[in-house]
N, C-alpha and C. Protein backbone atom coordinates (compact mmCIF):
# COMPACT_ATOMS: atom_id res chain seq x y z
N MET A 1 124.82 75.72 110.85
CA MET A 1 123.74 75.37 110.39
C MET A 1 122.50 74.84 111.00
N LEU A 2 123.03 73.91 111.71
CA LEU A 2 121.60 73.51 112.72
C LEU A 2 121.30 74.50 113.65
N THR A 3 122.64 74.75 114.24
CA THR A 3 122.30 76.20 115.17
C THR A 3 121.35 77.10 114.58
N ARG A 4 122.08 77.80 113.39
CA ARG A 4 121.09 78.52 112.83
C ARG A 4 119.93 78.34 112.91
N SER A 5 119.57 76.94 112.37
CA SER A 5 117.86 76.98 111.95
C SER A 5 117.47 76.52 113.32
N LEU A 6 117.88 76.56 114.57
CA LEU A 6 117.18 76.46 115.47
C LEU A 6 116.93 77.57 116.33
N GLN A 7 117.76 78.80 116.08
CA GLN A 7 117.83 79.98 116.29
C GLN A 7 116.67 80.59 115.12
N ASP A 8 116.54 80.30 114.08
CA ASP A 8 115.56 80.95 113.59
C ASP A 8 113.88 80.39 114.01
N LEU A 9 113.86 79.19 114.17
CA LEU A 9 112.75 78.73 114.77
C LEU A 9 112.67 79.01 115.77
N GLU A 10 113.07 79.42 116.82
CA GLU A 10 113.18 80.04 117.90
C GLU A 10 112.69 81.78 117.74
N GLU A 11 113.55 82.21 117.16
CA GLU A 11 112.96 83.64 116.79
C GLU A 11 111.19 83.69 116.49
N TYR A 12 110.90 82.74 115.42
CA TYR A 12 109.61 82.90 114.88
C TYR A 12 108.30 82.13 115.91
N GLY A 13 109.18 81.78 117.01
CA GLY A 13 107.76 81.34 118.00
C GLY A 13 107.74 79.76 117.76
N LEU A 14 108.48 79.00 117.17
CA LEU A 14 107.94 77.78 116.52
C LEU A 14 108.49 76.97 117.41
N VAL A 15 109.55 77.12 118.25
CA VAL A 15 110.48 76.29 119.36
C VAL A 15 110.83 76.88 120.62
N ILE A 16 111.05 76.37 121.81
CA ILE A 16 111.22 76.61 122.88
C ILE A 16 112.56 76.26 123.56
N ARG A 17 113.47 77.18 123.65
CA ARG A 17 114.95 76.52 123.70
C ARG A 17 114.87 76.56 125.46
N ILE A 18 115.66 75.32 126.12
CA ILE A 18 115.51 75.30 127.35
C ILE A 18 117.11 74.94 127.60
N GLN A 19 117.71 75.59 128.15
CA GLN A 19 119.20 75.12 128.42
C GLN A 19 119.57 74.95 129.80
N HIS A 20 120.13 73.76 130.31
CA HIS A 20 120.16 73.59 131.39
C HIS A 20 121.72 73.80 131.97
N SER A 21 121.71 73.83 133.09
CA SER A 21 122.99 74.27 133.60
C SER A 21 123.83 73.52 134.15
N VAL A 22 124.21 72.53 133.40
CA VAL A 22 125.06 71.23 133.77
C VAL A 22 126.13 70.99 132.72
N ILE A 23 127.57 70.94 133.08
CA ILE A 23 128.36 70.22 132.35
C ILE A 23 128.40 68.59 132.22
N PRO A 24 128.23 68.42 130.42
CA PRO A 24 128.57 68.86 130.25
C PRO A 24 127.26 69.66 129.47
N PRO A 25 127.26 70.99 128.37
CA PRO A 25 126.10 71.72 128.53
C PRO A 25 124.92 70.48 127.83
N HIS A 26 123.74 71.10 128.39
CA HIS A 26 122.59 70.21 127.67
C HIS A 26 121.38 71.31 127.49
N VAL A 27 120.99 71.20 126.35
CA VAL A 27 119.73 72.36 125.64
C VAL A 27 118.88 71.41 125.60
N GLU A 28 117.49 71.79 125.54
CA GLU A 28 116.32 70.76 124.75
C GLU A 28 115.68 71.80 124.12
N TYR A 29 114.83 71.34 122.99
CA TYR A 29 114.00 71.95 122.27
C TYR A 29 112.59 71.38 122.42
N PHE A 30 111.53 72.12 122.05
CA PHE A 30 110.23 71.87 122.23
C PHE A 30 109.48 72.64 121.54
N LEU A 31 108.46 71.94 120.67
CA LEU A 31 107.64 72.44 120.13
C LEU A 31 106.62 73.49 121.12
N THR A 32 106.29 74.66 120.39
CA THR A 32 105.40 75.76 120.88
C THR A 32 104.01 75.12 120.54
N GLU A 33 103.01 75.88 121.39
CA GLU A 33 101.74 75.39 120.85
C GLU A 33 101.12 76.24 119.57
N HIS A 34 101.59 77.04 119.36
CA HIS A 34 101.54 77.37 117.81
C HIS A 34 102.11 76.93 116.93
N SER A 35 103.49 75.87 117.07
CA SER A 35 103.78 74.87 116.03
C SER A 35 103.19 73.91 116.09
N LYS A 36 102.43 73.55 117.09
CA LYS A 36 101.97 72.43 117.08
C LYS A 36 100.72 72.15 115.85
N ASN A 37 100.37 73.58 116.00
CA ASN A 37 99.12 73.72 114.64
C ASN A 37 99.27 72.97 113.44
N LEU A 38 100.85 73.06 113.15
CA LEU A 38 101.57 73.01 111.53
C LEU A 38 101.89 71.28 112.00
N ILE A 39 101.42 70.25 112.61
CA ILE A 39 101.81 69.07 112.49
C ILE A 39 100.92 68.17 111.38
N PRO A 40 99.62 68.44 111.27
CA PRO A 40 99.01 67.96 110.33
C PRO A 40 98.96 68.32 109.33
N ILE A 41 99.70 69.61 108.69
CA ILE A 41 99.91 69.93 107.45
C ILE A 41 101.34 69.21 107.19
N MET A 42 102.30 69.13 108.28
CA MET A 42 103.68 68.80 107.94
C MET A 42 103.53 67.11 107.31
N THR A 43 102.51 66.31 108.42
CA THR A 43 102.09 65.10 108.17
C THR A 43 101.75 64.85 106.70
N LEU A 44 100.94 65.66 106.04
CA LEU A 44 100.56 65.68 104.59
C LEU A 44 101.46 65.64 103.86
N ILE A 45 102.18 66.84 103.92
CA ILE A 45 103.45 66.75 102.73
C ILE A 45 104.36 65.72 102.99
N SER A 46 104.66 65.22 104.19
CA SER A 46 105.57 64.05 104.26
C SER A 46 104.76 62.81 103.64
N GLU A 47 103.39 62.67 103.58
CA GLU A 47 102.83 61.55 103.27
C GLU A 47 103.09 61.53 101.64
N TRP A 48 102.76 62.87 101.08
CA TRP A 48 102.86 63.40 99.45
C TRP A 48 104.37 63.26 99.06
N GLY A 49 105.23 63.27 99.81
CA GLY A 49 106.52 62.91 99.69
C GLY A 49 107.07 61.85 99.46
N LYS A 50 106.47 60.73 100.16
CA LYS A 50 106.50 59.28 100.42
C LYS A 50 106.12 59.03 99.38
N ASP A 51 104.90 59.09 98.84
CA ASP A 51 103.96 59.04 97.99
C ASP A 51 104.56 58.87 96.38
N GLN A 52 105.33 60.22 96.35
CA GLN A 52 105.94 60.73 95.32
C GLN A 52 107.45 59.76 94.99
N MET A 53 107.94 59.40 95.90
CA MET A 53 109.04 58.75 96.19
C MET A 53 108.96 57.54 95.66
N SER A 54 107.72 56.85 95.90
CA SER A 54 107.10 55.73 96.00
C SER A 54 106.81 55.67 94.19
N ARG A 55 106.31 56.36 93.59
CA ARG A 55 105.79 56.21 92.27
C ARG A 55 107.04 56.63 91.83
N GLU A 56 107.89 57.48 92.13
CA GLU A 56 109.31 57.43 90.87
C GLU A 56 109.82 55.90 90.99
N LYS A 57 110.26 55.61 91.88
CA LYS A 57 110.75 54.27 92.06
C LYS A 57 110.08 53.47 91.43
N ASN A 58 108.72 53.34 91.18
CA ASN A 58 108.13 52.49 90.28
C ASN A 58 108.00 52.65 88.78
N GLU A 59 108.35 53.79 88.68
CA GLU A 59 108.57 54.64 87.08
C GLU A 59 110.00 53.99 86.61
N LEU A 60 110.79 53.87 87.87
CA LEU A 60 112.12 53.37 87.16
C LEU A 60 112.47 52.21 87.19
N PHE A 61 112.01 51.16 87.80
CA PHE A 61 111.68 49.96 87.55
C PHE A 61 111.38 49.68 86.76
N HIS A 62 109.93 50.10 86.04
CA HIS A 62 109.29 49.55 85.09
C HIS A 62 109.99 50.23 83.72
N TYR A 63 110.75 51.20 83.96
CA TYR A 63 111.98 51.86 82.89
C TYR A 63 113.01 50.73 82.79
N LYS A 64 113.26 50.40 83.78
CA LYS A 64 114.54 49.64 83.47
C LYS A 64 114.29 48.28 83.05
N ASP A 65 112.78 47.47 83.54
CA ASP A 65 112.56 46.37 82.99
C ASP A 65 112.00 46.52 81.54
N LYS A 66 111.75 47.47 81.02
CA LYS A 66 111.29 47.75 79.41
C LYS A 66 112.74 47.73 78.63
N LYS A 67 113.87 48.41 79.05
CA LYS A 67 115.29 48.32 78.38
C LYS A 67 115.61 46.99 78.08
N GLU A 68 115.23 46.23 79.28
CA GLU A 68 115.78 44.70 78.94
C GLU A 68 115.29 43.86 78.29
């Protein structure tokens, strides 16, 4: 699954794959300049997700308090 996801990202031009000719095999992935433009957007999505989890946790905590 991870391999397929990385292949897709490479195909879409979002990562660069560098395979080193060593044993054991060693592969590195880097963001392309194009994908680096997504960092601010992904940061906002991540912050939104953290806020949602925090809010849901608080709501659950308050629900448990009311139940007791």
